[in-house]
Protein backbone atom coordinates (compact mmCIF):
# COMPACT_ATOMS: atom_id res chain seq x y z
CA MET A 1 19.85 29.11 -15.14
CA GLY A 2 17.71 28.11 -18.10
CA GLU A 3 19.43 24.74 -18.39
CA ILE A 4 19.04 24.11 -14.66
CA ALA A 5 15.34 24.98 -14.77
CA LEU A 6 14.85 22.72 -17.79
CA SER A 7 16.60 19.83 -16.06
CA ILE A 8 14.18 20.19 -13.14
CA PHE A 9 10.88 21.30 -14.66
CA GLY A 10 11.14 20.07 -18.28
CA THR A 11 9.20 17.04 -19.47
CA ASP A 12 12.37 14.95 -19.17
CA GLY A 13 13.49 16.74 -16.00
CA LEU A 14 13.53 15.61 -12.39
CA LEU A 15 10.09 16.95 -11.44
CA ILE A 16 7.93 16.08 -14.47
CA GLY A 17 10.02 13.17 -15.74
CA THR A 18 10.63 11.33 -12.44
CA ILE A 19 8.98 12.73 -9.31
CA VAL A 20 5.48 13.16 -10.77
CA PRO A 21 5.36 9.61 -12.29
CA PHE A 22 6.74 8.20 -9.02
CA LEU A 23 4.05 9.94 -6.95
CA PHE A 24 1.38 8.86 -9.44
CA VAL A 25 2.39 5.19 -9.20
CA LEU A 26 2.89 5.10 -5.45
CA THR A 27 -0.24 7.10 -4.62
CA ILE A 28 -2.51 4.79 -6.63
CA VAL A 29 -1.02 1.64 -5.08
CA VAL A 30 -1.18 3.03 -1.53
CA PHE A 31 -4.69 4.48 -2.00
CA VAL A 32 -6.08 1.18 -3.26
CA HIS A 33 -4.40 -0.76 -0.43
CA GLU A 34 -5.73 1.54 2.29
CA MET A 35 -9.14 1.75 0.62
CA GLY A 36 -9.39 -2.02 1.01
CA HIS A 37 -8.88 -1.69 4.76
CA TYR A 38 -11.29 1.24 4.92
CA LEU A 39 -14.18 -0.26 2.93
CA VAL A 40 -14.15 -3.66 4.60
CA GLY A 41 -13.68 -2.08 8.02
CA ARG A 42 -16.68 0.17 7.48
CA LEU A 43 -18.66 -2.81 6.17
CA CYS A 44 -17.87 -4.61 9.43
CA GLY A 45 -19.12 -1.66 11.48
CA ILE A 46 -15.68 -0.43 12.56
CA GLY A 47 -15.21 3.31 13.05
CA VAL A 48 -12.48 5.09 11.07
CA GLN A 49 -10.71 8.08 12.55
CA ALA A 50 -8.30 8.88 9.73
CA PHE A 51 -7.44 7.90 6.15
CA SER A 52 -4.02 9.22 5.18
CA ILE A 53 -1.94 9.07 2.03
CA GLY A 54 1.56 9.60 3.32
CA PHE A 55 2.99 9.89 6.84
CA GLY A 56 4.01 12.77 9.05
CA PRO A 57 2.52 16.27 9.20
CA GLU A 58 -0.74 16.82 7.35
CA LEU A 59 -0.55 19.01 4.24
CA PHE A 60 -4.30 19.32 3.78
CA GLY A 61 -7.48 17.33 4.42
CA PHE A 62 -11.14 17.34 5.34
CA ASN A 63 -13.62 15.57 7.62
CA ASP A 64 -16.48 13.57 6.13
CA ARG A 65 -19.93 13.18 7.67
CA HIS A 66 -18.82 10.01 9.49
CA GLY A 67 -16.06 11.89 11.31
CA THR A 68 -13.21 10.41 9.29
CA ARG A 69 -10.31 12.73 8.57
CA TRP A 70 -9.16 12.31 4.96
CA LYS A 71 -5.71 13.80 4.51
CA LEU A 72 -2.58 14.05 2.43
CA SER A 73 0.58 13.98 4.54
CA LEU A 74 4.11 15.22 3.97
CA ILE A 75 6.07 11.98 3.52
CA PRO A 76 4.55 10.16 0.51
CA LEU A 77 6.11 6.73 1.19
CA GLY A 78 2.97 4.89 2.25
CA GLY A 79 -0.27 5.57 4.05
CA TYR A 80 -2.57 4.29 6.76
CA VAL A 81 -6.12 3.91 8.01
CA LYS A 82 -6.52 4.63 11.72
CA PHE A 83 -9.53 2.86 13.21
CA VAL A 84 -11.30 3.74 16.43
CA GLY A 85 -9.23 2.29 19.27
CA ASP A 86 -5.94 2.22 17.35
CA MET A 87 -3.09 3.86 19.23
CA ASN A 88 -1.14 4.77 16.10
CA ALA A 89 -0.90 4.31 12.34
CA ALA A 90 0.43 0.75 12.79
CA SER A 91 -2.89 -0.25 14.45
CA THR A 92 -1.20 -1.02 17.76
CA PRO A 93 -3.86 -2.15 20.28
CA PRO A 94 -4.46 0.04 23.34
CA ASP A 95 -3.72 -1.20 26.85
CA ALA A 96 -6.48 -1.87 29.38
CA GLU A 97 -6.38 1.67 30.80
CA GLN A 98 -6.64 3.29 27.39
CA MET A 99 -9.43 0.92 26.38
CA ALA A 100 -11.36 1.87 29.52
CA ASP A 101 -11.24 5.52 28.45
CA LEU A 102 -13.28 4.79 25.31
CA SER A 103 -16.91 5.88 25.34
CA ASP A 104 -19.67 3.29 25.04
CA GLU A 105 -20.28 4.38 21.44
CA ASP A 106 -16.60 4.08 20.56
CA ARG A 107 -16.36 0.67 22.19
CA LYS A 108 -19.03 -0.60 19.79
CA ARG A 109 -16.94 0.64 16.84
CA ALA A 110 -13.43 -0.02 18.20
CA PHE A 111 -11.33 -2.20 15.93
CA HIS A 112 -9.71 -4.26 18.68
CA LEU A 113 -13.05 -5.14 20.31
CA GLN A 114 -14.48 -6.69 17.15
CA PRO A 115 -14.75 -10.46 16.56
CA VAL A 116 -11.53 -11.92 15.22
CA TRP A 117 -13.06 -12.65 11.81
CA LYS A 118 -13.98 -8.98 11.31
CA ARG A 119 -10.47 -7.86 12.23
CA ALA A 120 -8.91 -10.47 9.95
CA ALA A 121 -11.20 -9.54 7.03
CA THR A 122 -10.37 -5.85 7.46
CA VAL A 123 -6.63 -6.50 7.55
CA VAL A 124 -6.47 -8.92 4.62
CA ALA A 125 -8.55 -6.53 2.48
CA GLY A 126 -5.55 -4.25 1.90
CA PRO A 127 -3.36 -6.80 0.09
CA LEU A 128 -6.46 -8.29 -1.56
CA PHE A 129 -7.35 -4.93 -3.09
CA ASN A 130 -3.77 -4.64 -4.37
CA PHE A 131 -4.21 -7.94 -6.18
CA LEU A 132 -7.60 -6.85 -7.53
CA LEU A 133 -6.00 -3.66 -8.88
CA THR A 134 -3.44 -5.75 -10.75
CA ILE A 135 -6.17 -8.00 -12.16
CA ALA A 136 -8.08 -4.92 -13.34
CA VAL A 137 -5.02 -3.44 -15.05
CA PHE A 138 -4.11 -6.71 -16.76
CA ALA A 139 -7.71 -7.27 -17.87
CA VAL A 140 -7.84 -3.85 -19.52
CA MET A 141 -4.46 -4.38 -21.17
CA PHE A 142 -5.40 -7.80 -22.53
CA GLY A 143 -8.72 -6.42 -23.75
CA LEU A 144 -7.13 -3.47 -25.52
CA TYR A 145 -3.93 -4.98 -26.88
CA GLY A 146 -4.30 -8.74 -26.71
CA ARG A 147 -1.23 -10.81 -25.95
CA PHE A 148 1.90 -11.56 -27.95
CA VAL A 149 2.53 -15.31 -28.03
CA SER A 150 4.73 -17.79 -29.84
CA ASP A 151 4.76 -21.58 -29.89
CA PRO A 152 7.06 -23.20 -27.27
CA MET A 153 9.54 -24.50 -29.83
CA VAL A 154 13.32 -24.81 -29.78
CA ALA A 155 14.86 -23.18 -32.85
CA GLU A 156 18.44 -23.16 -31.64
CA VAL A 157 20.50 -24.58 -28.77
CA ARG A 158 23.48 -22.51 -27.74
CA PRO A 159 26.71 -24.54 -27.55
CA GLY A 160 27.95 -25.08 -24.01
CA SER A 161 24.65 -24.06 -22.44
CA PRO A 162 22.69 -26.09 -19.85
CA ALA A 163 20.25 -27.04 -22.61
CA ASP A 164 23.11 -28.32 -24.75
CA ALA A 165 24.44 -30.41 -21.86
CA ALA A 166 20.94 -31.79 -21.19
CA GLY A 167 20.42 -32.90 -24.79
CA PHE A 168 17.91 -30.39 -26.14
CA GLN A 169 17.66 -30.31 -29.94
CA PRO A 170 16.25 -27.87 -32.51
CA GLY A 171 12.66 -28.81 -33.30
CA ASP A 172 11.85 -29.94 -29.75
CA ARG A 173 8.56 -28.66 -28.35
CA PHE A 174 8.10 -27.86 -24.65
CA LEU A 175 5.13 -29.63 -23.06
CA ARG A 176 5.80 -29.22 -19.33
CA VAL A 177 8.39 -27.51 -17.14
CA ASP A 178 8.79 -29.00 -13.68
CA GLY A 179 5.24 -30.34 -13.86
CA ASN A 180 3.73 -27.09 -15.14
CA ARG A 181 1.88 -27.21 -18.45
CA VAL A 182 3.36 -25.04 -21.20
CA GLU A 183 1.36 -23.42 -24.00
CA THR A 184 3.65 -20.59 -25.18
CA PHE A 185 7.35 -19.86 -25.18
CA THR A 186 6.66 -17.12 -22.61
CA ASP A 187 5.43 -19.86 -20.25
CA VAL A 188 8.82 -21.55 -20.56
CA GLN A 189 10.62 -18.28 -19.77
CA ARG A 190 8.53 -17.53 -16.70
CA TYR A 191 9.17 -21.00 -15.23
CA VAL A 192 12.90 -20.80 -15.90
CA THR A 193 13.94 -17.19 -15.20
CA GLY A 194 13.44 -17.34 -11.43
CA ARG A 195 14.95 -20.81 -10.93
CA ALA A 196 18.68 -20.32 -11.51
CA GLY A 197 20.60 -23.13 -9.84
CA ASP A 198 17.57 -25.44 -9.57
CA ALA A 199 17.50 -28.66 -11.54
CA LEU A 200 14.30 -28.53 -13.62
CA THR A 201 12.59 -31.40 -15.42
CA PHE A 202 11.44 -30.62 -18.97
CA VAL A 203 8.99 -32.84 -20.83
CA MET A 204 9.57 -32.32 -24.56
CA LEU A 205 7.87 -33.55 -27.72
CA ARG A 206 10.40 -34.92 -30.21
CA ASP A 207 9.47 -36.90 -33.30
CA GLU A 208 5.92 -37.42 -31.99
CA ARG A 209 7.08 -38.92 -28.69
CA GLU A 210 7.58 -37.45 -25.24
CA ILE A 211 11.03 -37.36 -23.71
CA GLU A 212 12.23 -36.09 -20.34
CA LEU A 213 15.29 -33.86 -19.99
CA VAL A 214 16.84 -32.28 -16.88
CA ALA A 215 18.63 -28.93 -17.04
CA THR A 216 19.78 -26.42 -14.42
CA PRO A 217 19.28 -22.77 -15.46
CA GLU A 218 22.33 -20.54 -15.14
CA LEU A 219 22.34 -16.85 -14.27
CA SER A 220 22.60 -14.37 -17.12
CA GLU A 221 22.68 -10.56 -17.01
CA GLN A 222 20.10 -9.00 -19.29
CA THR A 223 18.51 -5.61 -19.83
CA ASP A 224 14.76 -5.35 -19.32
CA ALA A 225 12.32 -3.16 -21.25
CA LEU A 226 12.98 -0.18 -18.95
CA GLY A 227 16.74 -0.39 -19.31
CA ASN A 228 17.41 -2.01 -15.92
CA THR A 229 20.11 -4.65 -15.62
CA ILE A 230 18.57 -7.83 -14.25
CA ARG A 231 19.92 -11.32 -13.56
CA VAL A 232 17.71 -14.17 -14.68
CA GLY A 233 17.97 -17.89 -15.14
CA ILE A 234 18.38 -19.25 -18.69
CA ILE A 235 18.95 -22.71 -20.17
CA GLY A 236 20.24 -21.49 -23.54
CA VAL A 237 17.47 -22.20 -26.06
CA VAL A 238 16.30 -19.75 -28.70
CA ASN A 239 12.89 -19.35 -30.29
CA ASN A 240 12.50 -17.62 -33.65
CA GLN A 241 9.83 -16.50 -36.09
CA GLU A 242 10.05 -19.59 -38.28
CA VAL A 243 9.30 -22.21 -35.61
CA GLY A 244 7.61 -20.01 -33.00
CA GLN A 245 5.03 -18.46 -35.33
CA PRO A 246 4.73 -15.26 -33.21
CA ARG A 247 1.30 -13.65 -33.25
CA ILE A 248 -1.12 -11.46 -31.32
CA VAL A 249 -4.00 -13.28 -29.61
CA GLU A 250 -7.07 -11.12 -29.00
CA TYR A 251 -9.43 -11.66 -26.06
CA GLY A 252 -13.02 -10.77 -25.30
CA PRO A 253 -14.03 -9.24 -21.94
CA LEU A 254 -14.47 -12.56 -20.10
CA GLU A 255 -11.31 -14.05 -21.58
CA SER A 256 -9.36 -10.89 -20.69
CA PHE A 257 -10.50 -11.16 -17.08
CA THR A 258 -9.64 -14.87 -16.91
CA GLN A 259 -6.20 -14.27 -18.38
CA ALA A 260 -5.68 -11.37 -15.95
CA VAL A 261 -6.49 -13.58 -12.96
CA VAL A 262 -4.07 -16.26 -14.18
CA GLU A 263 -1.35 -13.68 -14.90
CA THR A 264 -1.78 -12.02 -11.50
CA GLY A 265 -1.61 -15.38 -9.74
CA ASP A 266 1.58 -16.18 -11.62
CA VAL A 267 3.16 -12.84 -10.65
CA ILE A 268 2.21 -13.43 -7.00
CA LEU A 269 3.80 -16.89 -7.05
CA ARG A 270 6.97 -15.62 -8.71
CA THR A 271 7.24 -12.75 -6.24
CA GLY A 272 6.89 -15.15 -3.33
CA GLN A 273 9.42 -17.47 -4.93
CA PHE A 274 11.89 -14.62 -5.34
CA LEU A 275 11.54 -13.56 -1.68
CA LYS A 276 12.04 -17.14 -0.52
CA ARG A 277 15.19 -17.50 -2.62
CA PHE A 278 16.39 -14.08 -1.51
CA VAL A 279 16.14 -15.00 2.18
CA ALA A 280 18.06 -18.20 1.39
CA GLY A 281 20.82 -16.10 -0.22
CA ARG A 282 20.14 -17.40 -3.73
CA GLU A 283 19.12 -14.11 -5.37
CA ASP A 284 21.11 -11.01 -6.23
CA ARG A 285 20.48 -8.35 -3.55
CA CYS A 286 20.57 -5.66 -6.25
CA GLN A 287 17.27 -6.95 -7.57
CA LEU A 288 15.63 -5.35 -4.54
CA GLY A 289 15.23 -1.58 -4.62
CA GLY A 290 13.49 1.11 -2.64
CA PRO A 291 11.91 4.48 -3.43
CA VAL A 292 14.83 5.71 -5.52
CA LYS A 293 14.74 2.68 -7.80
CA ILE A 294 10.94 2.83 -8.03
CA ALA A 295 11.16 6.52 -8.95
CA ASP A 296 13.74 5.75 -11.63
CA MET A 297 11.55 2.98 -13.06
CA ALA A 298 8.49 5.25 -12.96
CA GLY A 299 10.35 7.92 -14.91
CA LYS A 300 11.49 5.41 -17.53
CA ALA A 301 8.00 3.92 -17.81
CA ALA A 302 6.42 7.37 -18.20
CA ALA A 303 8.87 8.16 -21.00
CA LYS A 304 7.62 5.08 -22.88
CA GLY A 305 3.96 5.99 -22.50
CA PHE A 306 1.04 5.99 -20.08
CA ASP A 307 0.31 2.29 -20.65
CA TRP A 308 3.82 1.42 -19.43
CA LEU A 309 3.25 3.49 -16.30
CA VAL A 310 -0.02 1.70 -15.62
CA GLN A 311 1.69 -1.67 -16.01
CA LEU A 312 4.27 -0.55 -13.45
CA VAL A 313 1.38 0.27 -11.11
CA ALA A 314 0.13 -3.31 -11.54
CA MET A 315 3.51 -4.88 -10.83
CA LEU A 316 4.23 -2.65 -7.84
CA SER A 317 0.74 -3.35 -6.48
CA VAL A 318 1.49 -7.09 -6.41
CA GLY A 319 4.80 -6.46 -4.68
CA ILE A 320 3.17 -4.29 -2.01
CA GLY A 321 0.43 -6.87 -1.52
CA VAL A 322 2.85 -9.78 -1.09
CA LEU A 323 5.21 -7.86 1.21
CA ASN A 324 2.31 -6.83 3.45
CA LEU A 325 1.27 -10.47 3.86
CA LEU A 326 4.62 -11.45 5.37
CA PRO A 327 4.00 -12.61 8.97
CA ILE A 328 5.92 -9.71 10.49
CA PRO A 329 4.38 -7.08 12.77
CA PRO A 330 3.46 -4.32 12.06
CA LEU A 331 2.71 -5.55 8.51
CA ASP A 332 -0.74 -6.94 7.71
CA GLY A 333 0.61 -10.47 7.80
CA GLY A 334 1.81 -9.93 11.38
CA HIS A 335 -1.69 -8.92 12.46
CA LEU A 336 -3.14 -11.96 10.68
CA LEU A 337 -0.68 -14.21 12.50
CA PHE A 338 -1.90 -12.89 15.86
CA TYR A 339 -5.51 -13.37 14.80
CA ALA A 340 -4.80 -16.94 13.70
CA VAL A 341 -3.32 -17.71 17.12
CA GLU A 342 -6.31 -16.06 18.80
CA ALA A 343 -8.78 -18.05 16.68
CA ALA A 344 -6.98 -21.31 17.43
CA SER A 345 -6.52 -20.73 21.17
CA GLY A 346 -9.78 -18.92 21.85
CA ARG A 347 -8.07 -15.94 23.50
CA PRO A 348 -6.01 -12.97 22.31
CA VAL A 349 -2.21 -13.03 22.38
CA SER A 350 -0.98 -11.48 25.63
CA GLU A 351 -0.07 -7.81 25.56
CA ARG A 352 3.54 -8.53 26.58
CA VAL A 353 4.09 -11.13 23.87
CA MET A 354 2.47 -8.88 21.29
CA GLU A 355 4.62 -5.93 22.36
CA LEU A 356 7.80 -7.98 22.04
CA PHE A 357 6.85 -9.17 18.57
CA TYR A 358 5.89 -5.64 17.52
CA ARG A 359 9.24 -4.25 18.62
CA ALA A 360 11.15 -7.01 16.86
CA GLY A 361 8.99 -6.59 13.75
CA VAL A 362 9.47 -2.82 13.62
CA LEU A 363 13.23 -3.26 13.88
CA LEU A 364 13.13 -5.83 11.09
CA VAL A 365 11.04 -3.56 8.85
CA LEU A 366 13.33 -0.60 9.54
CA ALA A 367 16.37 -2.76 8.76
CA PHE A 368 14.79 -3.81 5.47
CA MET A 369 14.02 -0.20 4.58
CA ALA A 370 17.61 0.80 5.38
CA PHE A 371 18.84 -2.09 3.23
CA VAL A 372 16.84 -1.09 0.14
CA PHE A 373 17.81 2.58 0.61
CA TRP A 374 21.45 1.51 0.73
CA ASN A 375 20.97 -0.53 -2.42
CA ASP A 376 19.39 2.49 -4.09
CA LEU A 377 22.05 5.00 -3.16
CA PHE A 378 25.32 3.13 -2.71
CA GLY A 379 25.08 -0.65 -2.92
CA CYS A 380 24.25 -1.35 -6.58
């Protein structure tokens, strides 16, 4: 019994070592996302009926002086803000009969009766706050620890690699990768790792002159810092201490913020690039995981230290923000798509068309959730 209890409640056990870090990471990301909706909605004069972390039955909560019910719910895999006039947590608009039942006071505060720009601002605030959270985390990390960098030099070219076939040589210096300026060897890696199978143009400095080489990254299985097996694109060049001159660059507050914005933008672009390649069938499906994989990563990050856990929060926050911007109802991006059509046409999308899109979107979201659960439990 003692061993069983230790495996569950010990610091390396299921509860403390995995479930608690998982709930910490997910709760922060969800809270920040929903707080974005809440704050901007309130700023736009929209009434809020409920703010929930989690779905399903309420565990506990309280009402504030504005009449909003703040609550923690049983199923911790998300959250929602329910505005006045919403029919459910997905912010489904009410029909004409239900809208007529609203009081005059509620009609002034009802989400779906607001100008389209207020609705759009409220919806986009959720993903935006996720990105701001990532910027804040990166800014603090850069301010505290600086950044490890090395010069973008080629120390070695592996025989038979794409770089070898393209004509790379030791001593070459990367200047640009596919039109993107390169300052560190990490820049080279970030432009290459997500582009397996794509022919990339490299501008190199060799013997004080610029040359252009074309190489196609190949997939390679590697182990990341948390022990996960990942598949990334490589061209087969190696950087070392002699030519790379590795060092820690320290930043002041303003520089840390600037670097954090750039880093967050890069992560957003790479996440979008991955999703695009995934839909096209050019990415390994095992790179996508659901709650089980996130929980496993949270446990591993917590074992390495609190700073690792916070970095996981930042990365997950970007992922949640990008996914919510996909133009699929009932995600935020689906709402924004309807608002864009309304703004362009001058009238709301018809209830029937909206209902059809909502049903199709819900099925698609449920299918995606089933897919990542399958990956977590059986597929990978």
